[in-house]
Structure formats: C-alpha cells, structure tokens
Amino acid sequence: MRTRGGSGFTLIEVLIALAIASVALAAFMRLTGLTTSNLGLLEQQTLAMLSAENALAELQLRRPLPAPGNYSERCPQAGLRLVCSLRIAPAVQGMREVGVEVRLEAGGGRYLAALQTRLVDDRQ
C-alpha cells in the first residue's frame, strides 16, 4: 500500500486558522467602534469648551456684571444643543469668581466642559 505525502493543509488546520482570523477581525471591529464613539464624545467636549469660552467672553464684555447668583442659558454650538450654567460669586477684594459648566440640553447630568475665571467687579 502506498501512502501519499502531505502536501496540503488538513481540515483541522484550516478551521484553527479561520478561528484565529475571526477573533482578530472581531477585536479590530470593536476597536474601530470604540474609536468612533470616542471621536463623537471628543467633538462634543470641544464644542462645549467653545461655548464655555464664549459665555465667559460675553460676561467680560457685559458691564456692569450681573448680580451674584446662578444663571442658566442656552448656548448652542454647530447644531449641538447645549446649556451653559453660570455661577457668579460675590465680590472679594474687588474680584468676582465666575464659573461656567456646559451640559447637553437633553442630557442633564454630567457636564462636558467647565471653566472658571475671576473678573474685576465694577460696582465697588
């Protein structure tokens, strides 16, 4: 009886190679999905930071400064519906601490960007 030399792959070897390739492709697809979702969040945070900077710039130009307290206003940016929450503290040594937090209008909870600064109080 003659035996044939093995010049090809066995079925088991092919199945193992396919299993390894499918695991690698699944990992690549998951990585691509995570990158895409992170990119969306990064875009939202960038637009929120622009809105926060705009809110502080508008406040610097407004004279006299509004009375101390908490204020909320819509601050859309590039079609993204955002809300800016301003906190103006009472004056200390002629300066007021001002903070702004930016959230998604529909999101509520966690803020996307926050900035703080101190402004000269003209009322004194």
N, C-alpha and C. Protein backbone atom coordinates (compact mmCIF):
# COMPACT_ATOMS: atom_id res chain seq x y z
N MET A 1 0.84 -1.17 0.00
CA MET A 1 0.00 0.00 0.00
C MET A 1 0.89 1.24 0.00
N ARG A 2 0.53 2.18 -0.83
CA ARG A 2 1.29 3.42 -0.93
C ARG A 2 0.66 4.50 -0.07
N THR A 3 1.48 5.27 0.62
CA THR A 3 0.95 6.41 1.38
C THR A 3 1.24 7.68 0.61
N ARG A 4 0.32 8.58 0.67
CA ARG A 4 0.50 9.85 -0.03
C ARG A 4 1.19 10.84 0.88
N GLY A 5 2.07 11.61 0.35
CA GLY A 5 2.75 12.65 1.13
C GLY A 5 1.80 13.81 1.40
N GLY A 6 1.90 14.39 2.57
CA GLY A 6 1.03 15.52 2.94
C GLY A 6 1.51 16.81 2.31
N SER A 7 0.89 17.20 1.24
CA SER A 7 1.31 18.42 0.57
C SER A 7 0.29 19.55 0.74
N GLY A 8 -0.66 19.42 1.65
CA GLY A 8 -1.68 20.45 1.84
C GLY A 8 -2.00 20.60 3.31
N PHE A 9 -3.02 21.41 3.57
CA PHE A 9 -3.46 21.63 4.95
C PHE A 9 -4.58 20.67 5.28
N THR A 10 -4.62 20.24 6.53
CA THR A 10 -5.72 19.40 6.96
C THR A 10 -6.91 20.28 7.33
N LEU A 11 -8.05 19.67 7.44
CA LEU A 11 -9.26 20.41 7.78
C LEU A 11 -9.13 21.08 9.15
N ILE A 12 -8.52 20.43 10.10
CA ILE A 12 -8.33 21.00 11.44
C ILE A 12 -7.46 22.25 11.36
N GLU A 13 -6.40 22.20 10.60
CA GLU A 13 -5.51 23.36 10.47
C GLU A 13 -6.25 24.55 9.85
N VAL A 14 -7.07 24.28 8.86
CA VAL A 14 -7.85 25.35 8.22
C VAL A 14 -8.85 25.95 9.21
N LEU A 15 -9.52 25.11 9.98
CA LEU A 15 -10.50 25.60 10.96
C LEU A 15 -9.84 26.43 12.05
N ILE A 16 -8.67 26.01 12.51
CA ILE A 16 -7.95 26.78 13.53
C ILE A 16 -7.52 28.13 12.97
N ALA A 17 -7.04 28.15 11.73
CA ALA A 17 -6.64 29.42 11.10
C ALA A 17 -7.84 30.36 10.96
N LEU A 18 -8.99 29.81 10.57
CA LEU A 18 -10.20 30.64 10.45
C LEU A 18 -10.65 31.17 11.81
N ALA A 19 -10.54 30.37 12.85
CA ALA A 19 -10.91 30.82 14.19
C ALA A 19 -10.01 31.96 14.65
N ILE A 20 -8.72 31.84 14.41
CA ILE A 20 -7.78 32.90 14.79
C ILE A 20 -8.07 34.18 14.02
N ALA A 21 -8.33 34.04 12.72
CA ALA A 21 -8.63 35.22 11.89
C ALA A 21 -9.93 35.89 12.35
N SER A 22 -10.94 35.09 12.71
CA SER A 22 -12.21 35.69 13.14
C SER A 22 -12.07 36.42 14.47
N VAL A 23 -11.27 35.89 15.39
CA VAL A 23 -11.03 36.59 16.66
C VAL A 23 -10.30 37.91 16.42
N ALA A 24 -9.32 37.90 15.53
CA ALA A 24 -8.58 39.13 15.21
C ALA A 24 -9.50 40.16 14.56
N LEU A 25 -10.35 39.74 13.65
CA LEU A 25 -11.29 40.66 12.99
C LEU A 25 -12.31 41.22 13.99
N ALA A 26 -12.78 40.38 14.90
CA ALA A 26 -13.73 40.86 15.92
C ALA A 26 -13.08 41.91 16.81
N ALA A 27 -11.84 41.68 17.20
CA ALA A 27 -11.12 42.66 18.02
C ALA A 27 -10.92 43.97 17.26
N PHE A 28 -10.60 43.88 15.98
CA PHE A 28 -10.42 45.08 15.16
C PHE A 28 -11.73 45.86 15.04
N MET A 29 -12.84 45.16 14.86
CA MET A 29 -14.15 45.83 14.74
C MET A 29 -14.51 46.52 16.06
N ARG A 30 -14.23 45.89 17.18
CA ARG A 30 -14.52 46.51 18.48
C ARG A 30 -13.67 47.76 18.66
N LEU A 31 -12.41 47.69 18.31
CA LEU A 31 -11.52 48.84 18.42
C LEU A 31 -12.01 49.99 17.53
N THR A 32 -12.44 49.68 16.34
CA THR A 32 -12.97 50.69 15.43
C THR A 32 -14.22 51.34 16.01
N GLY A 33 -15.10 50.54 16.59
CA GLY A 33 -16.32 51.07 17.21
C GLY A 33 -16.01 51.98 18.38
N LEU A 34 -15.07 51.59 19.23
CA LEU A 34 -14.68 52.42 20.37
C LEU A 34 -14.06 53.73 19.92
N THR A 35 -13.23 53.67 18.89
CA THR A 35 -12.60 54.88 18.36
C THR A 35 -13.65 55.85 17.83
N THR A 36 -14.65 55.32 17.15
CA THR A 36 -15.71 56.16 16.60
C THR A 36 -16.52 56.81 17.71
N SER A 37 -16.87 56.06 18.75
CA SER A 37 -17.66 56.65 19.84
C SER A 37 -16.83 57.67 20.62
N ASN A 38 -15.53 57.41 20.81
CA ASN A 38 -14.66 58.37 21.49
C ASN A 38 -14.52 59.65 20.68
N LEU A 39 -14.49 59.52 19.37
CA LEU A 39 -14.38 60.69 18.50
C LEU A 39 -15.62 61.57 18.63
N GLY A 40 -16.80 60.95 18.74
CA GLY A 40 -18.04 61.71 18.93
C GLY A 40 -18.03 62.46 20.26
N LEU A 41 -17.58 61.82 21.32
CA LEU A 41 -17.50 62.47 22.63
C LEU A 41 -16.49 63.61 22.61
N LEU A 42 -15.37 63.40 21.95
CA LEU A 42 -14.34 64.44 21.85
C LEU A 42 -14.88 65.66 21.10
N GLU A 43 -15.66 65.42 20.06
CA GLU A 43 -16.27 66.53 19.31
C GLU A 43 -17.24 67.31 20.21
N GLN A 44 -18.06 66.60 20.98
CA GLN A 44 -18.99 67.27 21.90
C GLN A 44 -18.24 68.09 22.94
N GLN A 45 -17.18 67.53 23.50
CA GLN A 45 -16.41 68.26 24.52
C GLN A 45 -15.73 69.49 23.93
N THR A 46 -15.25 69.39 22.71
CA THR A 46 -14.62 70.54 22.06
C THR A 46 -15.63 71.65 21.83
N LEU A 47 -16.81 71.30 21.33
CA LEU A 47 -17.86 72.30 21.11
C LEU A 47 -18.35 72.89 22.43
N ALA A 48 -18.41 72.07 23.47
CA ALA A 48 -18.82 72.57 24.79
C ALA A 48 -17.79 73.55 25.34
N MET A 49 -16.50 73.27 25.14
CA MET A 49 -15.46 74.18 25.60
C MET A 49 -15.54 75.51 24.85
N LEU A 50 -15.84 75.48 23.56
CA LEU A 50 -16.04 76.72 22.80
C LEU A 50 -17.21 77.52 23.37
N SER A 51 -18.29 76.84 23.72
CA SER A 51 -19.44 77.52 24.31
C SER A 51 -19.10 78.12 25.66
N ALA A 52 -18.32 77.41 26.47
CA ALA A 52 -17.92 77.93 27.78
C ALA A 52 -17.04 79.18 27.61
N GLU A 53 -16.10 79.12 26.68
CA GLU A 53 -15.25 80.29 26.42
C GLU A 53 -16.07 81.47 25.92
N ASN A 54 -17.05 81.20 25.05
CA ASN A 54 -17.92 82.27 24.55
C ASN A 54 -18.73 82.89 25.68
N ALA A 55 -19.27 82.05 26.58
CA ALA A 55 -20.07 82.57 27.69
C ALA A 55 -19.23 83.47 28.59
N LEU A 56 -17.99 83.07 28.88
CA LEU A 56 -17.12 83.91 29.71
C LEU A 56 -16.73 85.19 28.99
N ALA A 57 -16.49 85.11 27.68
CA ALA A 57 -16.14 86.31 26.91
C ALA A 57 -17.30 87.30 26.89
N GLU A 58 -18.53 86.79 26.73
CA GLU A 58 -19.70 87.67 26.74
C GLU A 58 -19.87 88.31 28.11
N LEU A 59 -19.58 87.56 29.16
CA LEU A 59 -19.70 88.09 30.52
C LEU A 59 -18.65 89.17 30.77
N GLN A 60 -17.46 89.00 30.24
CA GLN A 60 -16.40 90.01 30.40
C GLN A 60 -16.79 91.32 29.71
N LEU A 61 -17.52 91.21 28.61
CA LEU A 61 -17.91 92.41 27.86
C LEU A 61 -19.14 93.10 28.47
N ARG A 62 -19.88 92.38 29.27
CA ARG A 62 -21.10 92.93 29.87
C ARG A 62 -20.73 93.80 31.08
N ARG A 63 -21.10 95.05 31.06
CA ARG A 63 -20.82 95.96 32.18
C ARG A 63 -22.08 96.68 32.58
N PRO A 64 -22.40 96.76 33.83
CA PRO A 64 -21.74 96.09 34.95
C PRO A 64 -22.05 94.59 34.93
N LEU A 65 -21.27 93.85 35.69
CA LEU A 65 -21.51 92.41 35.79
C LEU A 65 -22.87 92.15 36.43
N PRO A 66 -23.52 91.06 36.06
CA PRO A 66 -24.78 90.70 36.72
C PRO A 66 -24.56 90.48 38.21
N ALA A 67 -25.63 90.55 38.96
CA ALA A 67 -25.58 90.32 40.40
C ALA A 67 -25.11 88.88 40.68
N PRO A 68 -24.51 88.65 41.84
CA PRO A 68 -24.09 87.29 42.19
C PRO A 68 -25.29 86.33 42.17
N GLY A 69 -25.04 85.12 41.74
CA GLY A 69 -26.10 84.12 41.68
C GLY A 69 -25.81 83.08 40.62
N ASN A 70 -26.80 82.23 40.39
CA ASN A 70 -26.69 81.17 39.38
C ASN A 70 -27.61 81.49 38.22
N TYR A 71 -27.08 81.38 37.02
CA TYR A 71 -27.84 81.67 35.81
C TYR A 71 -27.67 80.51 34.84
N SER A 72 -28.68 80.31 34.02
CA SER A 72 -28.62 79.25 33.03
C SER A 72 -29.15 79.79 31.71
N GLU A 73 -28.45 79.47 30.63
CA GLU A 73 -28.88 79.94 29.31
C GLU A 73 -28.47 78.93 28.26
N ARG A 74 -29.21 78.93 27.16
CA ARG A 74 -28.87 78.05 26.05
C ARG A 74 -27.65 78.61 25.34
N CYS A 75 -26.76 77.72 24.94
CA CYS A 75 -25.55 78.16 24.22
C CYS A 75 -25.21 77.14 23.14
N PRO A 76 -26.06 77.05 22.10
CA PRO A 76 -25.82 76.06 21.04
C PRO A 76 -24.52 76.33 20.30
N GLN A 77 -23.96 75.27 19.77
CA GLN A 77 -22.69 75.38 19.04
C GLN A 77 -22.70 74.35 17.91
N ALA A 78 -22.63 74.80 16.68
CA ALA A 78 -22.56 73.92 15.50
C ALA A 78 -23.68 72.88 15.48
N GLY A 79 -24.89 73.31 15.82
CA GLY A 79 -26.02 72.41 15.80
C GLY A 79 -26.18 71.55 17.05
N LEU A 80 -25.24 71.61 17.96
CA LEU A 80 -25.31 70.84 19.21
C LEU A 80 -26.03 71.68 20.25
N ARG A 81 -27.10 71.13 20.83
CA ARG A 81 -27.91 71.88 21.78
C ARG A 81 -27.30 71.77 23.17
N LEU A 82 -26.73 72.89 23.63
CA LEU A 82 -26.03 72.93 24.91
C LEU A 82 -26.67 73.95 25.83
N VAL A 83 -26.43 73.77 27.14
CA VAL A 83 -26.88 74.71 28.16
C VAL A 83 -25.67 75.11 28.99
N CYS A 84 -25.48 76.43 29.14
CA CYS A 84 -24.39 76.97 29.95
C CYS A 84 -24.95 77.39 31.30
N SER A 85 -24.40 76.86 32.37
CA SER A 85 -24.79 77.25 33.73
C SER A 85 -23.70 78.14 34.30
N LEU A 86 -24.05 79.39 34.57
CA LEU A 86 -23.09 80.37 35.09
C LEU A 86 -23.27 80.51 36.60
N ARG A 87 -22.16 80.57 37.31
CA ARG A 87 -22.18 80.81 38.75
C ARG A 87 -21.30 82.03 39.00
N ILE A 88 -21.93 83.09 39.52
CA ILE A 88 -21.21 84.33 39.81
C ILE A 88 -21.19 84.51 41.32
N ALA A 89 -19.99 84.54 41.89
CA ALA A 89 -19.83 84.66 43.34
C ALA A 89 -19.79 86.13 43.74
N PRO A 90 -20.10 86.44 45.00
CA PRO A 90 -19.97 87.81 45.48
C PRO A 90 -18.52 88.29 45.39
N ALA A 91 -18.36 89.59 45.29
CA ALA A 91 -17.02 90.18 45.13
C ALA A 91 -16.19 90.02 46.40
N VAL A 92 -14.93 89.69 46.21
CA VAL A 92 -13.95 89.62 47.29
C VAL A 92 -12.74 90.42 46.81
N GLN A 93 -12.44 91.48 47.52
CA GLN A 93 -11.32 92.37 47.18
C GLN A 93 -11.41 92.86 45.73
N GLY A 94 -12.62 93.24 45.34
CA GLY A 94 -12.83 93.81 44.02
C GLY A 94 -12.86 92.81 42.87
N MET A 95 -12.82 91.52 43.19
CA MET A 95 -12.84 90.48 42.14
C MET A 95 -14.00 89.53 42.39
N ARG A 96 -14.60 89.07 41.30
CA ARG A 96 -15.66 88.07 41.38
C ARG A 96 -15.21 86.79 40.71
N GLU A 97 -15.44 85.69 41.39
CA GLU A 97 -15.16 84.39 40.78
C GLU A 97 -16.37 83.98 39.94
N VAL A 98 -16.09 83.63 38.70
CA VAL A 98 -17.15 83.25 37.78
C VAL A 98 -16.84 81.86 37.24
N GLY A 99 -17.84 81.00 37.26
CA GLY A 99 -17.67 79.65 36.72
C GLY A 99 -18.76 79.34 35.72
N VAL A 100 -18.43 78.55 34.73
CA VAL A 100 -19.42 78.11 33.75
C VAL A 100 -19.26 76.61 33.53
N GLU A 101 -20.38 75.91 33.53
CA GLU A 101 -20.42 74.48 33.22
C GLU A 101 -21.34 74.30 32.03
N VAL A 102 -20.95 73.47 31.09
CA VAL A 102 -21.74 73.25 29.87
C VAL A 102 -22.19 71.80 29.82
N ARG A 103 -23.50 71.63 29.60
CA ARG A 103 -24.10 70.30 29.52
C ARG A 103 -24.90 70.19 28.22
N LEU A 104 -25.20 68.96 27.85
CA LEU A 104 -26.14 68.75 26.75
C LEU A 104 -27.53 69.15 27.22
N GLU A 105 -28.29 69.78 26.34
CA GLU A 105 -29.63 70.23 26.72
C GLU A 105 -30.52 69.05 27.12
N ALA A 106 -30.44 67.97 26.38
CA ALA A 106 -31.27 66.80 26.68
C ALA A 106 -30.62 65.87 27.70
N GLY A 107 -29.30 65.97 27.85
CA GLY A 107 -28.57 65.03 28.69
C GLY A 107 -28.76 65.23 30.18
N GLY A 108 -28.86 66.48 30.63
CA GLY A 108 -28.99 66.74 32.05
C GLY A 108 -27.67 66.55 32.77
N GLY A 109 -27.52 65.50 33.49
CA GLY A 109 -26.42 65.13 34.37
C GLY A 109 -25.04 65.71 34.19
N ARG A 110 -24.12 64.93 33.68
CA ARG A 110 -22.69 65.25 33.64
C ARG A 110 -22.40 66.40 32.68
N TYR A 111 -21.48 67.27 33.10
CA TYR A 111 -21.12 68.37 32.22
C TYR A 111 -19.99 67.96 31.27
N LEU A 112 -19.96 68.60 30.11
CA LEU A 112 -18.96 68.30 29.09
C LEU A 112 -17.73 69.18 29.22
N ALA A 113 -17.93 70.40 29.73
CA ALA A 113 -16.81 71.33 29.87
C ALA A 113 -17.10 72.26 31.04
N ALA A 114 -16.04 72.75 31.68
CA ALA A 114 -16.18 73.70 32.77
C ALA A 114 -14.98 74.64 32.76
N LEU A 115 -15.25 75.92 33.01
CA LEU A 115 -14.19 76.92 33.10
C LEU A 115 -14.46 77.83 34.29
N GLN A 116 -13.41 78.37 34.86
CA GLN A 116 -13.52 79.35 35.94
C GLN A 116 -12.56 80.49 35.67
N THR A 117 -12.96 81.67 36.10
CA THR A 117 -12.08 82.83 35.99
C THR A 117 -12.46 83.83 37.07
N ARG A 118 -11.72 84.89 37.16
CA ARG A 118 -12.03 85.99 38.08
C ARG A 118 -12.13 87.26 37.25
N LEU A 119 -13.16 88.05 37.55
CA LEU A 119 -13.38 89.29 36.83
C LEU A 119 -13.41 90.46 37.81
N VAL A 120 -12.95 91.60 37.35
CA VAL A 120 -12.98 92.82 38.17
C VAL A 120 -14.44 93.25 38.33
N ASP A 121 -14.82 93.55 39.57
CA ASP A 121 -16.18 94.00 39.86
C ASP A 121 -16.24 95.52 39.75
N ASP A 122 -17.02 96.03 38.81
CA ASP A 122 -17.12 97.47 38.58
C ASP A 122 -18.02 98.17 39.60
N ARG A 123 -18.77 97.43 40.37
CA ARG A 123 -19.74 98.03 41.29
C ARG A 123 -19.10 98.64 42.52
N GLN A 124 -17.85 98.31 42.78
CA GLN A 124 -17.22 98.80 44.01
C GLN A 124 -16.57 100.13 43.79
